């Protein structure tokens, strides 16, 4: 990236903007990418607060319980968006927040074995005409509407009774650990934007793994 900037005399954002404009002439699917990059460059104001911040995701608590033969998840997650992500959201660009679960079988004399993985993806979108925030579960298609950004993020961060795995699928004589993290997924954006986000801390929103033992 530094090499491109030195040779061309343009910033990485300007280089990405030119690349997106060229591609957008061929495909309308890149319109969100252009809107997002423009809002990053222009610094459009947004309503959570006016102080620039990096944002952070944190799993505050998580636990599982066995109910009706199925292990279910309860969790509380703090989701604070960066100023750049907020600007993109307020400009009509949807954000994807992903919850990742990993089930690990504990083995005494060998490396622990990854038994199962689950990814839950939610799309957060702001609709200026109705001034509502829409949260859509990309796994199930269900969606909810909220009046404020705070209420939409609070809803995303409250997981209650989420089915994880059927107890019958687990080995009776084995012990298991389970871990959870939350992240801002940018894979749905055009390649030039993904490359730009890779170098910007404001888009590297990912919590640490929160780990605990799976109780039988």
Protein backbone atom coordinates (compact mmCIF):
# COMPACT_ATOMS: atom_id res chain seq x y z
CA UNK A 1 0.00 0.00 0.00
CA UNK A 2 2.85 2.42 0.87
CA UNK A 3 4.50 1.68 -2.47
CA UNK A 4 1.31 2.54 -4.38
CA UNK A 5 0.95 5.80 -2.49
CA UNK A 6 4.54 6.86 -3.10
CA UNK A 7 4.42 6.12 -6.81
CA UNK A 8 1.00 7.58 -7.56
CA UNK A 9 1.06 10.44 -5.08
CA UNK A 10 -2.43 9.47 -3.89
CA UNK A 11 -3.63 8.20 -0.53
CA UNK A 12 -4.82 4.56 -0.23
CA UNK A 13 -8.43 5.86 0.02
CA UNK A 14 -8.09 7.85 -3.22
CA UNK A 15 -6.57 4.85 -4.97
CA UNK A 16 -9.45 2.62 -3.82
CA UNK A 17 -12.03 5.24 -4.83
CA UNK A 18 -10.65 5.40 -8.38
CA UNK A 19 -10.65 1.59 -8.60
CA UNK A 20 -14.26 1.40 -7.39
CA UNK A 21 -15.43 4.08 -9.82
CA UNK A 22 -13.90 2.15 -12.73
CA UNK A 23 -15.54 -1.10 -11.59
CA UNK A 24 -18.87 0.57 -10.80
CA UNK A 25 -19.17 1.66 -14.42
CA UNK A 26 -19.40 -2.04 -15.24
CA UNK A 27 -21.48 -3.21 -12.28
CA UNK A 28 -24.22 -1.54 -10.23
CA UNK A 29 -23.51 -3.99 -7.38
CA UNK A 30 -20.62 -1.78 -6.27
CA UNK A 31 -22.77 1.24 -5.41
CA UNK A 32 -22.62 0.48 -1.68
CA UNK A 33 -18.85 0.30 -1.89
CA UNK A 34 -18.69 3.76 -3.44
CA UNK A 35 -21.07 5.21 -0.86
CA UNK A 36 -19.05 3.71 1.96
CA UNK A 37 -15.68 4.93 0.75
CA UNK A 38 -17.05 8.39 0.03
CA UNK A 39 -18.45 8.67 3.54
CA UNK A 40 -15.07 7.66 4.93
CA UNK A 41 -13.33 10.33 2.88
CA UNK A 42 -15.85 13.09 3.51
CA UNK A 43 -16.36 12.35 7.22
CA UNK A 44 -20.18 12.48 7.23
CA UNK A 45 -21.47 13.19 10.76
CA UNK A 46 -23.39 10.47 12.54
CA UNK A 47 -25.62 10.24 15.55
CA UNK A 48 -24.04 8.08 18.26
CA UNK A 49 -21.59 10.79 19.25
CA UNK A 50 -19.30 13.24 17.51
CA UNK A 51 -16.02 11.99 19.01
CA UNK A 52 -13.87 9.86 16.72
CA UNK A 53 -13.42 6.39 18.22
CA UNK A 54 -12.06 3.03 17.23
CA UNK A 55 -14.96 0.96 18.61
CA UNK A 56 -14.72 -2.44 20.22
CA UNK A 57 -16.56 -5.75 20.65
CA UNK A 58 -16.46 -7.65 23.96
CA UNK A 59 -18.16 -10.83 25.16
CA UNK A 60 -19.13 -9.91 28.73
CA UNK A 61 -20.60 -13.27 29.72
CA UNK A 62 -21.58 -16.57 28.12
CA UNK A 63 -22.91 -19.90 29.35
CA UNK A 64 -24.76 -22.96 28.11
CA UNK A 65 -27.48 -25.07 29.68
CA UNK A 66 -29.08 -28.37 28.73
CA UNK A 67 -32.79 -28.02 28.02
CA UNK A 68 -34.89 -30.73 26.37
CA UNK A 69 -31.80 -32.61 25.18
CA UNK A 70 -30.31 -29.52 23.49
CA UNK A 71 -27.47 -27.31 24.72
CA UNK A 72 -28.57 -23.66 24.48
CA UNK A 73 -26.53 -20.48 24.73
CA UNK A 74 -27.06 -17.37 26.85
CA UNK A 75 -24.62 -14.49 26.28
CA UNK A 76 -24.15 -10.77 26.75
CA UNK A 77 -21.98 -8.96 24.22
CA UNK A 78 -20.93 -5.30 24.16
CA UNK A 79 -20.99 -3.95 20.61
CA UNK A 80 -19.51 -0.46 20.13
CA UNK A 81 -19.12 0.58 16.49
CA UNK A 82 -16.23 2.71 15.31
CA UNK A 83 -16.90 6.20 13.97
CA UNK A 84 -16.16 5.04 10.42
CA UNK A 85 -18.57 2.12 10.69
CA UNK A 86 -21.22 4.49 12.05
CA UNK A 87 -20.73 6.88 9.16
CA UNK A 88 -21.12 4.03 6.69
CA UNK A 89 -24.25 2.79 8.47
CA UNK A 90 -25.87 6.24 8.52
CA UNK A 91 -25.17 6.56 4.78
CA UNK A 92 -27.25 3.47 4.05
CA UNK A 93 -24.50 0.85 3.93
CA UNK A 94 -25.49 -2.34 5.84
CA UNK A 95 -23.06 -3.88 8.34
CA UNK A 96 -22.71 -7.59 9.05
CA UNK A 97 -22.08 -8.65 12.64
CA UNK A 98 -21.08 -12.28 13.09
CA UNK A 99 -21.13 -14.47 16.19
CA UNK A 100 -18.75 -17.42 15.97
CA UNK A 101 -19.12 -20.50 18.17
CA UNK A 102 -16.62 -23.36 18.39
CA UNK A 103 -17.17 -26.64 20.24
CA UNK A 104 -13.92 -28.36 21.24
CA UNK A 105 -13.54 -31.94 22.47
CA UNK A 106 -10.95 -32.17 25.24
CA UNK A 107 -8.50 -35.05 24.83
CA UNK A 108 -6.11 -36.10 27.59
CA UNK A 109 -3.08 -37.27 25.62
CA UNK A 110 -3.61 -35.52 22.28
CA UNK A 111 -4.32 -32.06 20.94
CA UNK A 112 -7.87 -30.94 21.60
CA UNK A 113 -10.19 -31.67 18.69
CA UNK A 114 -12.54 -29.17 17.04
CA UNK A 115 -15.90 -30.94 17.13
CA UNK A 116 -18.26 -28.36 15.61
CA UNK A 117 -18.45 -24.74 14.45
CA UNK A 118 -21.40 -22.38 14.15
CA UNK A 119 -21.52 -18.90 12.60
CA UNK A 120 -24.51 -16.63 13.17
CA UNK A 121 -24.66 -13.59 10.89
CA UNK A 122 -26.80 -10.52 11.42
CA UNK A 123 -27.22 -7.58 9.04
CA UNK A 124 -27.65 -4.15 10.59
CA UNK A 125 -29.14 -1.50 8.30
CA UNK A 126 -30.34 2.07 8.79
CA UNK A 127 -33.27 3.30 6.68
CA UNK A 128 -33.31 7.12 6.56
CA UNK A 129 -36.89 7.46 5.27
CA UNK A 130 -38.41 5.63 8.23
CA UNK A 131 -35.50 6.49 10.56
CA UNK A 132 -35.45 2.88 11.73
CA UNK A 133 -32.66 0.39 12.32
CA UNK A 134 -33.30 -3.05 10.85
CA UNK A 135 -31.62 -6.17 12.26
CA UNK A 136 -31.93 -9.20 9.99
CA UNK A 137 -30.84 -12.71 10.94
CA UNK A 138 -29.08 -13.88 7.78
CA UNK A 139 -29.29 -17.51 8.91
CA UNK A 140 -33.06 -17.62 9.40
CA UNK A 141 -34.29 -14.55 7.48
CA UNK A 142 -36.10 -13.14 10.53
CA UNK A 143 -35.82 -9.40 11.11
CA UNK A 144 -36.71 -6.78 13.71
CA UNK A 145 -37.05 -2.99 13.58
CA UNK A 146 -35.70 -0.54 16.19
CA UNK A 147 -36.07 3.19 16.76
CA UNK A 148 -32.50 3.77 17.94
CA UNK A 149 -29.04 2.46 17.23
CA UNK A 150 -28.57 1.71 20.93
CA UNK A 151 -31.63 -0.55 21.05
CA UNK A 152 -30.60 -2.41 17.88
CA UNK A 153 -27.06 -3.08 19.17
CA UNK A 154 -28.40 -3.99 22.60
CA UNK A 155 -30.71 -6.54 20.98
CA UNK A 156 -27.84 -7.99 18.96
CA UNK A 157 -25.75 -8.29 22.10
CA UNK A 158 -28.38 -10.23 24.09
CA UNK A 159 -28.41 -13.91 23.19
CA UNK A 160 -31.01 -15.97 25.04
CA UNK A 161 -31.72 -19.69 24.67
CA UNK A 162 -29.96 -20.10 21.32
CA UNK A 163 -29.80 -23.82 20.34
CA UNK A 164 -26.18 -24.88 19.88
CA UNK A 165 -26.00 -28.67 19.62
CA UNK A 166 -28.07 -31.76 20.39
CA UNK A 167 -26.68 -33.61 23.40
CA UNK A 168 -27.16 -36.94 21.59
CA UNK A 169 -24.45 -35.92 19.10
CA UNK A 170 -21.80 -35.68 21.83
CA UNK A 171 -19.72 -38.57 23.09
CA UNK A 172 -20.89 -39.56 26.57
CA UNK A 173 -17.39 -40.20 27.95
CA UNK A 174 -15.83 -37.00 26.55
CA UNK A 175 -15.44 -33.50 27.96
CA UNK A 176 -16.07 -30.41 25.85
CA UNK A 177 -15.17 -26.76 25.91
CA UNK A 178 -17.05 -24.09 24.01
CA UNK A 179 -15.96 -20.59 23.01
CA UNK A 180 -17.62 -17.54 21.53
CA UNK A 181 -16.50 -14.33 19.85
CA UNK A 182 -18.14 -11.47 17.92
CA UNK A 183 -16.74 -9.72 14.86
CA UNK A 184 -17.59 -7.21 12.15
CA UNK A 185 -17.59 -9.21 8.92
CA UNK A 186 -16.52 -7.24 5.82
CA UNK A 187 -16.36 -10.12 3.32
CA UNK A 188 -19.53 -8.98 1.53
CA UNK A 189 -17.93 -5.76 0.28
CA UNK A 190 -16.04 -5.36 -3.02
CA UNK A 191 -12.41 -6.49 -3.05
CA UNK A 192 -10.90 -2.95 -3.12
CA UNK A 193 -12.82 -2.06 0.03
CA UNK A 194 -11.81 -5.27 1.80
CA UNK A 195 -8.20 -4.42 1.06
CA UNK A 196 -8.68 -0.92 2.45
CA UNK A 197 -10.40 -2.22 5.60
CA UNK A 198 -7.51 -4.64 6.18
CA UNK A 199 -5.26 -1.64 6.88
CA UNK A 200 -7.75 0.35 8.95
CA UNK A 201 -8.09 -0.50 12.65
CA UNK A 202 -11.57 1.06 12.70
CA UNK A 203 -12.85 -1.94 10.72
CA UNK A 204 -10.97 -4.63 12.64
CA UNK A 205 -13.71 -5.03 15.22
CA UNK A 206 -13.37 -8.44 16.84
CA UNK A 207 -13.71 -9.57 20.43
CA UNK A 208 -11.42 -11.95 22.24
CA UNK A 209 -12.58 -15.55 22.54
CA UNK A 210 -14.73 -16.17 25.63
CA UNK A 211 -14.33 -19.84 26.67
CA UNK A 212 -16.02 -22.12 29.17
CA UNK A 213 -16.75 -25.80 29.84
CA UNK A 214 -19.84 -27.40 28.33
CA UNK A 215 -21.90 -28.83 31.17
CA UNK A 216 -23.77 -32.07 30.63
